[in-house]
Amino acid sequence: MNERPHGLRQLAPLYLACYLFWIVSGALTVLTMLQMRNALLSLLPVIGPWTMIGVDKFSFVLMGLAALVWVLFVEHYLRTGVERGTLWRRALVVGGVHAAALGFVYALQLLFFALW
């Protein structure tokens, strides 16, 4: 599992898988960001429409910056995983982080919708 592949025939499929994982990770990042926005929008009855406009815009910019940093980090993390022979383990770690983030966001949505 930690064997370092050599040669184009061994590396090409790994790089293809690396960037496929990266694209899926980017899509999951956008999904998480949009679901987090939905969770924040459920606070509208509590904080009012005028304050919610500012919270919505400011949080969307912050989440977008965080998503950009995360996507760039994941690309580097997976690419170096190919070079070190740990791509599959790193892909599982990234998938676990996405699953935890989406689980947190859905739990937050459930909490907010149950309270309001």
C-alpha atoms as a PDB file:
ATOM      1  CA  MET A   1       0.000   0.000   0.000  1.00  0.00           C
ATOM      2  CA  ASN A   2       2.891   2.381   0.691  1.00  0.00           C
ATOM      3  CA  GLU A   3       4.845   1.267  -2.357  1.00  0.00           C
ATOM      4  CA  ARG A   4       5.950   4.148  -4.511  1.00  0.00           C
ATOM      5  CA  PRO A   5       5.054   3.485  -8.114  1.00  0.00           C
ATOM      6  CA  HIS A   6       7.579   4.393 -10.773  1.00  0.00           C
ATOM      7  CA  GLY A   7       7.066   5.018 -14.434  1.00  0.00           C
ATOM      8  CA  LEU A   8       4.379   6.660 -16.458  1.00  0.00           C
ATOM      9  CA  ARG A   9       2.243   3.531 -16.737  1.00  0.00           C
ATOM     10  CA  GLN A  10       1.970   3.253 -12.967  1.00  0.00           C
ATOM     11  CA  LEU A  11       1.704   6.951 -12.163  1.00  0.00           C
ATOM     12  CA  ALA A  12      -0.815   8.036 -14.810  1.00  0.00           C
ATOM     13  CA  PRO A  13      -3.793   6.121 -13.340  1.00  0.00           C
ATOM     14  CA  LEU A  14      -2.899   7.358  -9.856  1.00  0.00           C
ATOM     15  CA  TYR A  15      -2.791  10.972 -10.987  1.00  0.00           C
ATOM     16  CA  LEU A  16      -6.078  10.452 -12.824  1.00  0.00           C
ATOM     17  CA  ALA A  17      -7.632   9.071  -9.627  1.00  0.00           C
ATOM     18  CA  CYS A  18      -6.056  11.911  -7.628  1.00  0.00           C
ATOM     19  CA  TYR A  19      -7.669  14.594  -9.747  1.00  0.00           C
ATOM     20  CA  LEU A  20     -10.960  12.705  -9.913  1.00  0.00           C
ATOM     21  CA  PHE A  21     -11.007  12.672  -6.095  1.00  0.00           C
ATOM     22  CA  TRP A  22     -10.115  16.362  -6.151  1.00  0.00           C
ATOM     23  CA  ILE A  23     -13.038  17.236  -8.444  1.00  0.00           C
ATOM     24  CA  VAL A  24     -15.443  15.240  -6.267  1.00  0.00           C
ATOM     25  CA  SER A  25     -13.997  16.960  -3.199  1.00  0.00           C
ATOM     26  CA  GLY A  26     -14.572  20.368  -4.789  1.00  0.00           C
ATOM     27  CA  ALA A  27     -18.184  19.480  -5.556  1.00  0.00           C
ATOM     28  CA  LEU A  28     -18.728  18.270  -1.987  1.00  0.00           C
ATOM     29  CA  THR A  29     -17.167  21.483  -0.703  1.00  0.00           C
ATOM     30  CA  VAL A  30     -19.638  23.579  -2.695  1.00  0.00           C
ATOM     31  CA  LEU A  31     -22.515  21.368  -1.500  1.00  0.00           C
ATOM     32  CA  THR A  32     -21.404  21.798   2.114  1.00  0.00           C
ATOM     33  CA  MET A  33     -21.101  25.548   1.670  1.00  0.00           C
ATOM     34  CA  LEU A  34     -24.598  25.831   0.200  1.00  0.00           C
ATOM     35  CA  GLN A  35     -26.107  23.633   2.904  1.00  0.00           C
ATOM     36  CA  MET A  36     -24.418  25.769   5.558  1.00  0.00           C
ATOM     37  CA  ARG A  37     -25.982  28.835   3.940  1.00  0.00           C
ATOM     38  CA  ASN A  38     -29.389  27.141   4.148  1.00  0.00           C
ATOM     39  CA  ALA A  39     -28.789  26.474   7.828  1.00  0.00           C
ATOM     40  CA  LEU A  40     -27.896  30.122   8.401  1.00  0.00           C
ATOM     41  CA  LEU A  41     -30.959  31.295   6.484  1.00  0.00           C
ATOM     42  CA  SER A  42     -33.140  29.363   8.890  1.00  0.00           C
ATOM     43  CA  LEU A  43     -32.108  31.915  11.533  1.00  0.00           C
ATOM     44  CA  LEU A  44     -34.154  34.577   9.705  1.00  0.00           C
ATOM     45  CA  PRO A  45     -37.107  34.525  12.140  1.00  0.00           C
ATOM     46  CA  VAL A  46     -34.738  35.033  15.046  1.00  0.00           C
ATOM     47  CA  ILE A  47     -32.492  37.869  13.889  1.00  0.00           C
ATOM     48  CA  GLY A  48     -34.745  39.695  11.439  1.00  0.00           C
ATOM     49  CA  PRO A  49     -34.577  40.360   7.706  1.00  0.00           C
ATOM     50  CA  TRP A  50     -32.239  43.370   7.693  1.00  0.00           C
ATOM     51  CA  THR A  51     -29.601  41.774   9.887  1.00  0.00           C
ATOM     52  CA  MET A  52     -29.959  38.507   7.985  1.00  0.00           C
ATOM     53  CA  ILE A  53     -28.990  40.217   4.729  1.00  0.00           C
ATOM     54  CA  GLY A  54     -25.645  41.235   6.226  1.00  0.00           C
ATOM     55  CA  VAL A  55     -25.093  37.871   7.892  1.00  0.00           C
ATOM     56  CA  ASP A  56     -25.896  36.075   4.635  1.00  0.00           C
ATOM     57  CA  LYS A  57     -23.522  38.151   2.493  1.00  0.00           C
ATOM     58  CA  PHE A  58     -20.661  38.199   4.990  1.00  0.00           C
ATOM     59  CA  SER A  59     -20.896  34.490   5.790  1.00  0.00           C
ATOM     60  CA  PHE A  60     -21.063  33.592   2.100  1.00  0.00           C
ATOM     61  CA  VAL A  61     -17.814  35.472   1.435  1.00  0.00           C
ATOM     62  CA  LEU A  62     -16.108  33.851   4.427  1.00  0.00           C
ATOM     63  CA  MET A  63     -17.321  30.383   3.467  1.00  0.00           C
ATOM     64  CA  GLY A  64     -16.193  30.964  -0.116  1.00  0.00           C
ATOM     65  CA  LEU A  65     -12.695  31.903   1.040  1.00  0.00           C
ATOM     66  CA  ALA A  66     -12.574  28.887   3.347  1.00  0.00           C
ATOM     67  CA  ALA A  67     -13.754  26.658   0.490  1.00  0.00           C
ATOM     68  CA  LEU A  68     -11.065  28.036  -1.819  1.00  0.00           C
ATOM     69  CA  VAL A  69      -8.336  27.386   0.746  1.00  0.00           C
ATOM     70  CA  TRP A  70      -9.697  23.883   1.398  1.00  0.00           C
ATOM     71  CA  VAL A  71      -9.853  22.968  -2.316  1.00  0.00           C
ATOM     72  CA  LEU A  72      -6.284  24.184  -2.876  1.00  0.00           C
ATOM     73  CA  PHE A  73      -5.083  22.280   0.194  1.00  0.00           C
ATOM     74  CA  VAL A  74      -6.828  19.073  -0.916  1.00  0.00           C
ATOM     75  CA  GLU A  75      -5.201  19.263  -4.357  1.00  0.00           C
ATOM     76  CA  HIS A  76      -1.756  19.553  -2.816  1.00  0.00           C
ATOM     77  CA  TYR A  77      -2.489  16.869  -0.194  1.00  0.00           C
ATOM     78  CA  LEU A  78      -3.719  14.337  -2.765  1.00  0.00           C
ATOM     79  CA  ARG A  79      -0.996  15.125  -5.308  1.00  0.00           C
ATOM     80  CA  THR A  80       1.765  14.626  -2.756  1.00  0.00           C
ATOM     81  CA  GLY A  81      -0.033  11.437  -1.732  1.00  0.00           C
ATOM     82  CA  VAL A  82       0.587  10.100  -5.227  1.00  0.00           C
ATOM     83  CA  GLU A  83       4.260  11.007  -4.958  1.00  0.00           C
ATOM     84  CA  ARG A  84       4.598   9.332  -1.541  1.00  0.00           C
ATOM     85  CA  GLY A  85       2.426   6.313  -2.325  1.00  0.00           C
ATOM     86  CA  THR A  86      -0.308   7.191   0.174  1.00  0.00           C
ATOM     87  CA  LEU A  87      -3.051   8.396  -2.173  1.00  0.00           C
ATOM     88  CA  TRP A  88      -5.739   5.943  -1.049  1.00  0.00           C
ATOM     89  CA  ARG A  89      -5.238   6.662   2.646  1.00  0.00           C
ATOM     90  CA  ARG A  90      -5.291  10.406   1.988  1.00  0.00           C
ATOM     91  CA  ALA A  91      -8.424  10.099  -0.151  1.00  0.00           C
ATOM     92  CA  LEU A  92     -10.128   8.315   2.755  1.00  0.00           C
ATOM     93  CA  VAL A  93      -9.048  11.079   5.144  1.00  0.00           C
ATOM     94  CA  VAL A  94     -10.438  13.766   2.830  1.00  0.00           C
ATOM     95  CA  GLY A  95     -13.664  11.778   2.418  1.00  0.00           C
ATOM     96  CA  GLY A  96     -13.963  11.456   6.183  1.00  0.00           C
ATOM     97  CA  VAL A  97     -13.535  15.195   6.635  1.00  0.00           C
ATOM     98  CA  HIS A  98     -16.258  15.824   4.045  1.00  0.00           C
ATOM     99  CA  ALA A  99     -18.585  13.314   5.706  1.00  0.00           C
ATOM    100  CA  ALA A 100     -18.017  14.932   9.113  1.00  0.00           C
ATOM    101  CA  ALA A 101     -18.578  18.447   7.731  1.00  0.00           C
ATOM    102  CA  LEU A 102     -21.780  17.476   5.931  1.00  0.00           C
ATOM    103  CA  GLY A 103     -22.988  15.589   9.008  1.00  0.00           C
ATOM    104  CA  PHE A 104     -22.360  18.671  11.133  1.00  0.00           C
ATOM    105  CA  VAL A 105     -24.201  20.944   8.699  1.00  0.00           C
ATOM    106  CA  TYR A 106     -27.217  18.624   8.447  1.00  0.00           C
ATOM    107  CA  ALA A 107     -27.325  18.296  12.247  1.00  0.00           C
ATOM    108  CA  LEU A 108     -27.219  22.087  12.496  1.00  0.00           C
ATOM    109  CA  GLN A 109     -30.095  22.357  10.026  1.00  0.00           C
ATOM    110  CA  LEU A 110     -32.108  19.837  12.014  1.00  0.00           C
ATOM    111  CA  LEU A 111     -31.431  21.747  15.215  1.00  0.00           C
ATOM    112  CA  PHE A 112     -32.371  25.115  13.745  1.00  0.00           C
ATOM    113  CA  PHE A 113     -35.523  23.801  12.098  1.00  0.00           C
ATOM    114  CA  ALA A 114     -36.567  22.021  15.303  1.00  0.00           C
ATOM    115  CA  LEU A 115     -36.101  25.180  17.368  1.00  0.00           C
ATOM    116  CA  TRP A 116     -37.872  27.552  15.019  1.00  0.00           C
END
